[in-house]
Amino acid sequence: MTDVKRSVKSFIVSILRHAVRMSPFFVNLGYAAKIEILSVIYNEKTGDNDRLHDLSTYQGLGNNYNQALNGLGDSKLGIHLKKQACKTATRRNKYPSSNGSILFATRSWHFINPLYDSFKEKKVDCYKYDINDFDSLFFRDNEIKNKSKYHREKAFKNLGIAFIKKQDYNKENRKYMSDSFDDYYRKSDVIFVDWLNHNTNWVIENSSADKKIIVRVHSYEVLSFFPATINFGRIDGLIFISHGIRDMFFEMWGWLVPENIHVEVIDNIRCQNRINPSLIESNVNRKKIIGMMQYALPVKGFRFAFEVFKRVYEKDNEFKLVVCGQTLNEIKSKENDSLLEEIRLLPKGTVEELGYISEVDSFFRSVGYMLSTSEREGSHESIIEGMAYGCVPVVRSWPLLAPFNGAQRAFPMCQVIENVDEAAKLILDSVNNYDDISNKFQQESMVYFSEDIPNKYLEFIERVRKE
């Protein structure tokens, strides 16, 4: 983007922001409110809506991430949203608790299916509804092509539904839902939704006020516009996947959350795929193979990872780097092009891009180290699973969560590294004692596979239900 275009966009955004703050119509939560919220995430450098994901946004703020919102919480709009959320929470206190079923609802089941399966094994009365089933019919009948754009626009339309209208479900939407949903909904008193984004907006719109709503929060949503479009007075419980994510969320968005919401940090469920260390036979040559997953995504910090590998390779050219997931060619960027050029200068086979793999078991058995060099993470599942296979974790202090000590709290058994040289030294120092270090992390990883984790979810749900 040219400097002229940046200047013009910057000028427009500043004018719109000023107009919104002065507008007497902000209480209508219409277009002006949308502009004010979007101005917070608009990145003037790139022209994209990724400002809250950009590390440079937080330079010089310490842990005062609320300042990145440019005063949204103290604006007329922010004060109004908080006031309405508190009113909603107060009104809903009149609904007594009941002993119905638990209804899981989301569009992405990767993290929820293990929880649902564990509940079914425990004979917990629960159901699940895939919101994608609703989408397929609704999008077809309404000829919606751009799904992501629709979800964004719908979030802002929900400002009126969630903050202004009386809390009741959208009866018009029932024609897009199956008979099974109607049955599950009628039997349930608690709705558990994954992701604080358009999934939560959908559940709020389609649930009456007597239903208790619990939302599980990941890192992505905290750094998006979605929290500003959600009436937290309609939510009874928030579960965060890590302490760092929780602290970052409340630093940024805590002004929106009424005091009576139950909050807990509970790890992901992995019990159904528990790994028995005694049954794992690893490749004896793994101790000089460094591994990484989903490396080509910008948030994963592959430049940092590659610099670590180069430092190690300079000292010991027997080391190799093996990576899987989308390749650098598949995610086009100047940075990825530059990385490919540098990789081509190394001897063939020194860096191996496997692409997507269906059999992760063999990958974890063959690599000796797993890199976590991301800008942000919640729990970083590939590191946890790698540890269970005996891989030695190399965990960077994730920059976006560094003020909240996110990486160290997620991996207390690890020596979290701050820079490339520290990471290279950690790897090189462990080679001569690799087996002992590998066994240590393999044993310590079992805390992430604790069979008590599903019980923590159930205890939290019961606490929300009764109170």
Protein backbone atom coordinates (compact mmCIF):
# COMPACT_ATOMS: atom_id res chain seq x y z
CA MET A 1 0.00 0.00 0.00
CA THR A 2 1.38 3.43 -0.94
CA ASP A 3 1.99 6.18 1.62
CA VAL A 4 -0.72 8.28 -0.07
CA LYS A 5 -3.31 5.52 0.30
CA ARG A 6 -2.29 5.02 3.92
CA SER A 7 -2.65 8.73 4.62
CA VAL A 8 -6.09 8.88 3.00
CA LYS A 9 -7.32 5.81 4.91
CA SER A 10 -5.87 7.15 8.15
CA PHE A 11 -7.65 10.45 7.60
CA ILE A 12 -10.97 8.74 6.84
CA VAL A 13 -10.72 6.50 9.89
CA SER A 14 -9.91 9.45 12.18
CA ILE A 15 -12.86 11.46 10.82
CA LEU A 16 -15.25 8.52 11.20
CA ARG A 17 -14.00 7.80 14.70
CA HIS A 18 -14.54 11.42 15.72
CA ALA A 19 -17.98 11.48 14.12
CA VAL A 20 -19.03 8.35 15.97
CA ARG A 21 -17.92 9.66 19.35
CA MET A 22 -19.87 12.88 18.80
CA SER A 23 -22.94 11.25 17.28
CA PRO A 24 -26.19 11.50 19.31
CA PHE A 25 -27.43 8.38 17.57
CA PHE A 26 -24.80 5.98 18.89
CA VAL A 27 -27.36 4.39 21.21
CA ASN A 28 -29.11 2.94 18.17
CA LEU A 29 -26.08 0.64 17.78
CA GLY A 30 -26.23 0.97 14.03
CA TYR A 31 -23.70 1.85 11.37
CA ALA A 32 -21.86 4.37 13.53
CA ALA A 33 -21.23 1.74 16.22
CA LYS A 34 -19.93 -0.65 13.59
CA ILE A 35 -17.46 1.97 12.30
CA GLU A 36 -16.20 2.73 15.80
CA ILE A 37 -15.60 -0.94 16.60
CA LEU A 38 -13.97 -1.69 13.25
CA SER A 39 -11.71 1.34 13.59
CA VAL A 40 -10.11 -0.41 16.58
CA ILE A 41 -9.00 -3.41 14.52
CA TYR A 42 -8.21 -1.56 11.28
CA ASN A 43 -4.50 -1.74 10.45
CA GLU A 44 -3.47 1.47 8.71
CA LYS A 45 -0.12 -0.05 7.68
CA THR A 46 -1.58 -2.95 5.74
CA GLY A 47 -5.18 -1.95 5.10
CA ASP A 48 -6.32 -5.17 6.77
CA ASN A 49 -8.44 -5.75 9.86
CA ASP A 50 -5.60 -7.36 11.79
CA ARG A 51 -4.34 -4.52 13.98
CA LEU A 52 -4.99 -6.38 17.24
CA HIS A 53 -2.99 -9.35 15.92
CA ASP A 54 -0.04 -7.13 15.01
CA LEU A 55 2.82 -7.19 17.53
CA SER A 56 3.69 -3.57 16.78
CA THR A 57 0.28 -2.52 18.17
CA TYR A 58 1.43 -3.36 21.68
CA GLN A 59 4.94 -1.89 21.62
CA GLY A 60 5.52 0.25 24.69
CA LEU A 61 2.25 -0.78 26.37
CA GLY A 62 3.71 -3.32 28.80
CA ASN A 63 0.73 -5.38 29.91
CA ASN A 64 -1.69 -2.46 29.48
CA TYR A 65 -3.28 -4.01 26.39
CA ASN A 66 -6.52 -2.14 26.99
CA GLN A 67 -4.79 0.91 25.54
CA ALA A 68 -4.69 -0.88 22.18
CA LEU A 69 -8.48 -0.40 21.96
CA ASN A 70 -7.98 3.36 21.55
CA GLY A 71 -10.38 4.28 24.35
CA LEU A 72 -13.30 2.15 23.13
CA GLY A 73 -14.17 1.12 26.69
CA ASP A 74 -14.43 4.73 27.86
CA SER A 75 -16.31 5.99 24.80
CA LYS A 76 -20.05 6.60 24.80
CA LEU A 77 -20.51 3.38 22.89
CA GLY A 78 -18.34 1.37 25.30
CA ILE A 79 -20.12 2.75 28.36
CA HIS A 80 -23.47 1.98 26.77
CA LEU A 81 -22.51 -1.62 25.95
CA LYS A 82 -21.28 -2.23 29.47
CA LYS A 83 -24.43 -0.70 30.96
CA GLN A 84 -26.67 -2.87 28.79
CA ALA A 85 -24.70 -6.01 29.64
CA CYS A 86 -25.11 -5.33 33.36
CA LYS A 87 -28.84 -4.73 32.87
CA THR A 88 -29.19 -7.99 30.99
CA ALA A 89 -27.34 -9.91 33.72
CA THR A 90 -29.56 -8.37 36.42
CA ARG A 91 -32.77 -9.24 34.56
CA ARG A 92 -31.67 -12.82 34.11
CA ASN A 93 -31.08 -13.39 37.80
CA LYS A 94 -34.80 -14.14 38.14
CA TYR A 95 -34.50 -17.40 36.19
CA PRO A 96 -34.12 -20.37 38.58
CA SER A 97 -31.66 -23.18 37.92
CA SER A 98 -32.91 -26.50 36.61
CA ASN A 99 -31.55 -29.97 35.96
CA GLY A 100 -31.84 -30.38 32.22
CA SER A 101 -29.34 -31.64 29.66
CA ILE A 102 -26.18 -30.01 28.31
CA LEU A 103 -26.29 -28.96 24.66
CA PHE A 104 -22.96 -28.51 22.89
CA ALA A 105 -23.14 -26.14 19.92
CA THR A 106 -20.34 -25.00 17.63
CA ARG A 107 -19.13 -25.00 14.03
CA SER A 108 -15.72 -26.55 14.77
CA TRP A 109 -15.64 -29.80 16.74
CA HIS A 110 -11.93 -30.51 17.00
CA PHE A 111 -11.70 -29.43 20.64
CA ILE A 112 -15.25 -30.21 21.68
CA ASN A 113 -15.69 -33.81 20.50
CA PRO A 114 -13.27 -35.20 23.12
CA LEU A 115 -15.23 -33.39 25.85
CA TYR A 116 -18.56 -34.60 24.50
CA ASP A 117 -17.28 -38.18 24.18
CA SER A 118 -15.93 -38.16 27.73
CA PHE A 119 -19.29 -36.92 29.04
CA LYS A 120 -21.15 -39.65 27.15
CA GLU A 121 -18.82 -42.25 28.66
CA LYS A 122 -19.63 -40.87 32.10
CA LYS A 123 -23.37 -41.13 31.29
CA VAL A 124 -23.77 -37.35 31.48
CA ASP A 125 -27.01 -36.26 29.82
CA CYS A 126 -25.82 -34.22 26.83
CA TYR A 127 -26.40 -33.58 23.14
CA LYS A 128 -24.59 -31.78 20.35
CA TYR A 129 -25.75 -29.58 17.48
CA ASP A 130 -23.55 -28.57 14.56
CA ILE A 131 -24.33 -24.96 13.60
CA ASN A 132 -23.01 -25.76 10.13
CA ASP A 133 -26.28 -27.62 9.56
CA PHE A 134 -28.15 -24.36 10.08
CA ASP A 135 -25.71 -22.46 7.88
CA SER A 136 -26.07 -24.82 4.94
CA LEU A 137 -29.84 -24.26 4.73
CA PHE A 138 -29.80 -20.58 5.65
CA PHE A 139 -27.05 -19.70 3.18
CA ARG A 140 -28.74 -21.66 0.41
CA ASP A 141 -32.16 -20.05 0.89
CA ASN A 142 -30.69 -16.58 1.24
CA GLU A 143 -28.14 -17.03 -1.57
CA ILE A 144 -25.18 -16.13 0.64
CA LYS A 145 -21.82 -16.73 -1.04
CA ASN A 146 -19.29 -14.96 1.16
CA LYS A 147 -19.68 -16.73 4.51
CA SER A 148 -16.98 -14.85 6.44
CA LYS A 149 -18.40 -11.49 5.36
CA TYR A 150 -21.88 -12.61 6.38
CA HIS A 151 -20.70 -13.66 9.86
CA ARG A 152 -18.99 -10.30 10.37
CA GLU A 153 -22.03 -8.31 9.24
CA LYS A 154 -24.33 -10.52 11.29
CA ALA A 155 -22.25 -9.84 14.40
CA PHE A 156 -22.98 -6.14 14.08
CA LYS A 157 -26.65 -6.74 13.36
CA ASN A 158 -26.71 -8.77 16.56
CA LEU A 159 -25.78 -5.62 18.47
CA GLY A 160 -29.42 -4.67 18.15
CA ILE A 161 -30.66 -8.16 18.94
CA ALA A 162 -28.40 -8.75 21.93
CA PHE A 163 -28.29 -5.28 23.49
CA ILE A 164 -31.63 -3.69 22.64
CA LYS A 165 -34.35 -6.26 22.11
CA LYS A 166 -35.89 -8.38 24.84
CA GLN A 167 -33.90 -11.56 25.27
CA ASP A 168 -35.78 -14.26 23.40
CA TYR A 169 -34.78 -16.65 20.68
CA ASN A 170 -35.25 -15.87 17.01
CA LYS A 171 -38.34 -17.87 16.09
CA GLU A 172 -37.80 -17.26 12.37
CA ASN A 173 -34.58 -19.26 12.49
CA ARG A 174 -36.33 -22.42 13.67
CA LYS A 175 -37.33 -23.31 10.12
CA TYR A 176 -33.65 -23.83 9.30
CA MET A 177 -33.12 -26.20 12.22
CA SER A 178 -33.78 -29.91 12.42
CA ASP A 179 -36.39 -31.59 14.61
CA SER A 180 -33.52 -33.03 16.62
CA PHE A 181 -32.34 -29.53 17.51
CA ASP A 182 -35.82 -28.61 18.77
CA ASP A 183 -35.80 -31.75 20.90
CA TYR A 184 -32.29 -31.11 22.29
CA TYR A 185 -33.06 -27.45 22.94
CA ARG A 186 -36.27 -28.26 24.83
CA LYS A 187 -34.50 -30.79 27.08
CA SER A 188 -31.42 -28.65 27.78
CA ASP A 189 -30.88 -25.94 30.36
CA VAL A 190 -27.17 -25.34 29.64
CA ILE A 191 -25.72 -24.54 26.20
CA PHE A 192 -21.95 -24.95 25.88
CA VAL A 193 -20.42 -23.14 22.90
CA ASP A 194 -16.83 -23.19 21.67
CA TRP A 195 -15.20 -19.93 20.43
CA LEU A 196 -16.19 -16.42 21.51
CA ASN A 197 -17.05 -15.36 17.95
CA HIS A 198 -19.96 -15.81 15.53
CA ASN A 199 -20.67 -19.14 17.25
CA THR A 200 -21.50 -17.28 20.45
CA ASN A 201 -23.52 -14.68 18.57
CA TRP A 202 -25.55 -17.47 16.99
CA VAL A 203 -26.25 -19.17 20.32
CA ILE A 204 -27.31 -15.91 21.97
CA GLU A 205 -29.68 -15.10 19.12
CA ASN A 206 -31.24 -18.56 19.18
CA SER A 207 -31.58 -19.11 22.93
CA SER A 208 -34.17 -17.81 25.36
CA ALA A 209 -33.07 -16.03 28.52
CA ASP A 210 -33.67 -19.02 30.79
CA LYS A 211 -30.93 -21.07 29.10
CA LYS A 212 -27.53 -20.88 30.79
CA ILE A 213 -24.74 -20.20 28.28
CA ILE A 214 -21.11 -21.21 28.78
CA VAL A 215 -18.46 -20.10 26.27
CA ARG A 216 -14.95 -21.47 25.86
CA VAL A 217 -12.42 -18.86 24.74
CA HIS A 218 -9.25 -19.27 22.64
CA SER A 219 -6.61 -16.69 21.72
CA TYR A 220 -7.96 -15.68 18.31
CA GLU A 221 -11.23 -14.16 19.54
CA VAL A 222 -9.52 -12.02 22.19
CA LEU A 223 -7.65 -10.22 19.40
CA SER A 224 -10.73 -9.71 17.22
CA PHE A 225 -13.72 -7.35 17.12
CA PHE A 226 -16.13 -10.07 18.30
CA PRO A 227 -16.03 -9.34 22.06
CA ALA A 228 -17.42 -5.85 21.39
CA THR A 229 -20.44 -7.37 19.62
CA ILE A 230 -21.35 -9.81 22.40
CA ASN A 231 -23.65 -9.03 25.31
CA PHE A 232 -21.76 -10.67 28.18
CA GLY A 233 -24.78 -10.21 30.40
CA ARG A 234 -26.29 -13.05 28.42
CA ILE A 235 -23.35 -15.36 29.25
CA ASP A 236 -23.17 -17.26 32.54
CA GLY A 237 -19.72 -18.81 32.34
CA LEU A 238 -16.41 -18.27 30.54
CA ILE A 239 -13.80 -21.00 30.22
CA PHE A 240 -10.32 -20.05 29.02
CA ILE A 241 -7.89 -22.61 27.63
CA SER A 242 -4.90 -20.99 29.38
CA HIS A 243 -4.08 -18.50 32.12
CA GLY A 244 -2.32 -16.18 29.68
CA ILE A 245 -5.38 -15.98 27.43
CA ARG A 246 -7.62 -15.26 30.41
CA ASP A 247 -5.43 -12.45 31.69
CA MET A 248 -5.06 -10.89 28.25
CA PHE A 249 -8.81 -11.05 27.70
CA PHE A 250 -9.67 -9.30 30.96
CA GLU A 251 -6.99 -6.68 30.42
CA MET A 252 -8.51 -5.84 27.04
CA TRP A 253 -12.21 -6.59 27.42
CA GLY A 254 -12.90 -6.92 31.14
CA TRP A 255 -14.90 -3.68 31.11
CA LEU A 256 -17.62 -5.51 29.14
CA VAL A 257 -18.04 -8.37 31.63
CA PRO A 258 -20.57 -8.16 34.51
CA GLU A 259 -19.24 -9.24 37.89
CA ASN A 260 -21.51 -12.26 38.29
CA ILE A 261 -20.05 -14.29 35.39
CA HIS A 262 -18.28 -17.48 36.45
CA VAL A 263 -14.73 -17.72 35.10
CA GLU A 264 -12.34 -20.68 35.00
CA VAL A 265 -9.20 -21.86 33.22
CA ILE A 266 -9.45 -25.50 32.11
CA ASP A 267 -7.15 -27.36 29.79
CA ASN A 268 -8.20 -29.11 26.59
CA ILE A 269 -9.46 -32.69 26.81
CA ARG A 270 -7.00 -35.26 25.54
CA CYS A 271 -8.00 -38.30 27.60
CA GLN A 272 -9.59 -40.20 24.72
CA ASN A 273 -6.26 -40.25 22.86
CA ARG A 274 -4.06 -40.76 25.86
CA ILE A 275 -0.57 -41.88 24.93
CA ASN A 276 1.19 -44.58 26.95
CA PRO A 277 4.92 -43.74 27.01
CA SER A 278 5.88 -47.38 27.60
CA LEU A 279 4.28 -48.37 24.28
CA ILE A 280 6.06 -45.79 22.12
CA GLU A 281 9.06 -46.95 20.14
CA SER A 282 10.86 -43.97 18.70
CA ASN A 283 13.41 -43.60 15.92
CA VAL A 284 16.88 -43.91 17.44
CA ASN A 285 18.17 -41.27 15.03
CA ARG A 286 15.65 -38.65 16.10
CA LYS A 287 17.95 -36.65 18.39
CA LYS A 288 19.29 -34.58 15.51
CA ILE A 289 15.96 -33.93 13.81
CA ILE A 290 14.04 -30.75 14.65
CA GLY A 291 10.30 -30.72 13.91
CA MET A 292 7.54 -28.13 13.59
CA MET A 293 3.87 -28.18 12.57
CA GLN A 294 1.74 -25.59 10.71
CA TYR A 295 4.91 -23.60 10.21
CA ALA A 296 3.92 -21.53 7.15
CA LEU A 297 1.21 -19.54 8.92
CA PRO A 298 2.52 -16.06 9.83
CA VAL A 299 1.46 -16.43 13.48
CA LYS A 300 3.71 -19.49 13.91
CA GLY A 301 6.90 -17.43 13.61
CA PHE A 302 8.78 -19.67 11.18
CA ARG A 303 11.40 -16.99 10.55
CA PHE A 304 12.38 -17.28 14.23
CA ALA A 305 12.34 -21.10 13.96
CA PHE A 306 14.49 -21.10 10.83
CA GLU A 307 17.04 -18.79 12.46
CA VAL A 308 17.22 -21.22 15.39
CA PHE A 309 17.83 -24.10 13.02
CA LYS A 310 20.54 -22.20 11.13
CA ARG A 311 22.40 -21.51 14.40
CA VAL A 312 22.24 -25.20 15.29
CA TYR A 313 23.25 -26.29 11.78
CA GLU A 314 26.28 -23.99 11.82
CA LYS A 315 27.54 -25.88 14.89
CA ASP A 316 26.48 -29.36 13.80
CA ASN A 317 25.55 -30.02 10.17
CA GLU A 318 24.09 -33.43 10.97
CA PHE A 319 20.91 -31.69 12.14
CA LYS A 320 17.85 -31.59 9.89
CA LEU A 321 14.62 -29.59 10.01
CA VAL A 322 11.41 -31.47 9.15
CA VAL A 323 8.14 -29.53 8.97
CA CYS A 324 4.53 -30.42 8.10
CA GLY A 325 1.31 -28.57 7.30
CA GLN A 326 0.69 -26.00 4.59
CA THR A 327 3.91 -25.32 2.74
CA LEU A 328 5.63 -21.99 2.28
CA ASN A 329 4.58 -22.02 -1.38
CA GLU A 330 0.93 -22.51 -0.43
CA ILE A 331 0.80 -19.41 1.78
CA LYS A 332 2.08 -16.65 -0.45
CA SER A 333 4.02 -13.78 1.12
CA LYS A 334 7.29 -11.96 0.61
CA GLU A 335 8.59 -13.46 3.84
CA ASN A 336 7.80 -17.02 2.76
CA ASP A 337 9.41 -16.40 -0.63
CA SER A 338 12.53 -15.15 1.14
CA LEU A 339 12.57 -18.21 3.41
CA LEU A 340 12.31 -20.53 0.40
CA GLU A 341 15.28 -18.84 -1.23
CA GLU A 342 17.38 -19.34 1.89
CA ILE A 343 16.31 -22.98 2.20
CA ARG A 344 17.38 -23.64 -1.40
CA LEU A 345 20.90 -22.48 -0.54
CA LEU A 346 21.24 -25.34 1.97
CA PRO A 347 22.16 -28.89 0.89
CA LYS A 348 19.17 -30.82 -0.45
CA GLY A 349 17.26 -32.60 2.32
CA THR A 350 18.53 -30.32 5.10
CA VAL A 351 15.05 -28.78 5.40
CA GLU A 352 12.18 -31.09 4.44
CA GLU A 353 8.64 -29.81 3.85
CA LEU A 354 6.26 -32.76 4.15
CA GLY A 355 3.05 -30.87 3.42
CA TYR A 356 -0.11 -32.14 5.07
CA ILE A 357 0.28 -35.55 6.65
CA SER A 358 -2.49 -37.93 7.70
CA GLU A 359 -0.28 -40.01 9.96
CA VAL A 360 1.10 -37.78 12.72
CA ASP A 361 2.19 -40.78 14.78
CA SER A 362 5.19 -41.49 12.53
CA PHE A 363 6.07 -37.77 12.47
CA PHE A 364 6.30 -37.52 16.26
CA ARG A 365 8.27 -40.76 16.46
CA SER A 366 10.86 -39.52 13.99
CA VAL A 367 11.60 -36.00 15.28
CA GLY A 368 13.62 -35.31 18.40
CA TYR A 369 12.64 -31.69 19.08
CA MET A 370 9.40 -29.76 18.62
CA LEU A 371 9.52 -26.01 18.08
CA SER A 372 6.98 -23.54 19.43
CA THR A 373 8.11 -20.18 18.07
CA SER A 374 4.66 -18.64 17.66
CA GLU A 375 3.66 -15.03 18.24
CA ARG A 376 0.72 -16.34 20.29
CA GLU A 377 -0.67 -19.69 21.39
CA GLY A 378 -3.31 -20.99 23.72
CA SER A 379 -2.04 -24.43 24.65
CA HIS A 380 -0.07 -25.46 21.52
CA GLU A 381 -1.29 -29.01 21.08
CA SER A 382 1.55 -30.19 18.83
CA ILE A 383 4.08 -29.44 21.58
CA ILE A 384 2.04 -31.35 24.16
CA GLU A 385 1.57 -34.34 21.90
CA GLY A 386 5.21 -34.22 20.85
CA MET A 387 6.31 -34.30 24.49
CA ALA A 388 4.15 -37.39 25.01
CA TYR A 389 6.14 -39.06 22.23
CA GLY A 390 9.39 -38.04 23.89
CA CYS A 391 10.16 -34.98 21.76
CA VAL A 392 12.08 -32.29 23.59
CA PRO A 393 10.06 -29.04 23.56
CA VAL A 394 11.67 -25.75 22.54
CA VAL A 395 9.21 -23.07 23.60
CA ARG A 396 9.63 -19.40 22.82
CA SER A 397 8.15 -16.79 25.13
CA TRP A 398 5.24 -16.06 22.78
CA PRO A 399 5.56 -12.28 22.25
CA LEU A 400 1.86 -11.42 22.29
CA LEU A 401 1.44 -13.24 25.59
CA ALA A 402 4.82 -12.39 27.10
CA PRO A 403 3.43 -9.61 29.37
CA PHE A 404 1.12 -12.25 30.87
CA ASN A 405 3.82 -14.94 31.11
CA GLY A 406 1.66 -17.06 28.83
CA ALA A 407 4.20 -19.59 27.53
CA GLN A 408 5.82 -20.30 30.90
CA ARG A 409 2.46 -20.82 32.60
CA ALA A 410 1.34 -23.13 29.79
CA PHE A 411 4.58 -25.14 30.00
CA PRO A 412 5.92 -24.81 33.56
CA MET A 413 8.31 -27.75 33.07
CA CYS A 414 10.10 -25.99 30.19
CA GLN A 415 12.94 -23.51 30.09
CA VAL A 416 11.12 -20.90 28.01
CA ILE A 417 13.56 -19.13 25.68
CA GLU A 418 13.64 -15.44 24.80
CA ASN A 419 15.82 -15.37 21.69
CA VAL A 420 17.35 -17.43 18.89
CA ASP A 421 20.70 -18.00 20.58
CA GLU A 422 19.05 -19.36 23.75
CA ALA A 423 16.99 -21.80 21.70
CA ALA A 424 20.00 -23.04 19.71
CA LYS A 425 22.01 -23.53 22.89
CA LEU A 426 19.17 -25.47 24.51
CA ILE A 427 19.09 -27.90 21.57
CA LEU A 428 22.87 -28.33 21.27
CA ASP A 429 23.35 -28.77 25.02
CA SER A 430 20.79 -31.59 25.14
CA VAL A 431 22.30 -33.80 22.41
CA ASN A 432 24.73 -35.72 24.62
CA ASN A 433 22.07 -36.38 27.26
CA TYR A 434 19.12 -36.63 24.90
CA ASP A 435 17.53 -39.87 26.11
CA ASP A 436 17.34 -38.74 29.75
CA ILE A 437 15.89 -35.34 28.79
CA SER A 438 13.43 -36.98 26.41
CA ASN A 439 12.21 -39.39 29.08
CA LYS A 440 11.81 -36.54 31.56
CA PHE A 441 9.54 -34.53 29.29
CA GLN A 442 7.63 -37.64 28.25
CA GLN A 443 6.74 -38.36 31.86
CA GLU A 444 5.92 -34.73 32.66
CA SER A 445 3.63 -34.48 29.65
CA MET A 446 1.13 -36.83 31.26
CA VAL A 447 -0.25 -33.92 33.31
CA TYR A 448 -1.88 -32.71 30.07
CA PHE A 449 -3.65 -36.05 29.64
CA SER A 450 -5.11 -36.17 33.14
CA GLU A 451 -8.40 -38.02 33.41
CA ASP A 452 -9.47 -35.37 35.92
CA ILE A 453 -9.79 -32.67 33.23
CA PRO A 454 -13.30 -33.76 32.11
CA ASN A 455 -14.37 -33.66 35.76
CA LYS A 456 -13.26 -30.03 35.96
CA TYR A 457 -15.51 -29.17 33.04
CA LEU A 458 -18.43 -30.98 34.62
CA GLU A 459 -17.87 -29.31 37.99
CA PHE A 460 -17.81 -25.90 36.34
CA ILE A 461 -20.99 -26.58 34.40
CA GLU A 462 -22.75 -27.70 37.57
CA ARG A 463 -21.59 -24.58 39.42
CA VAL A 464 -22.95 -22.35 36.65
CA ARG A 465 -26.18 -24.31 36.52
CA LYS A 466 -26.87 -24.03 40.26
CA GLU A 467 -25.84 -20.41 40.76
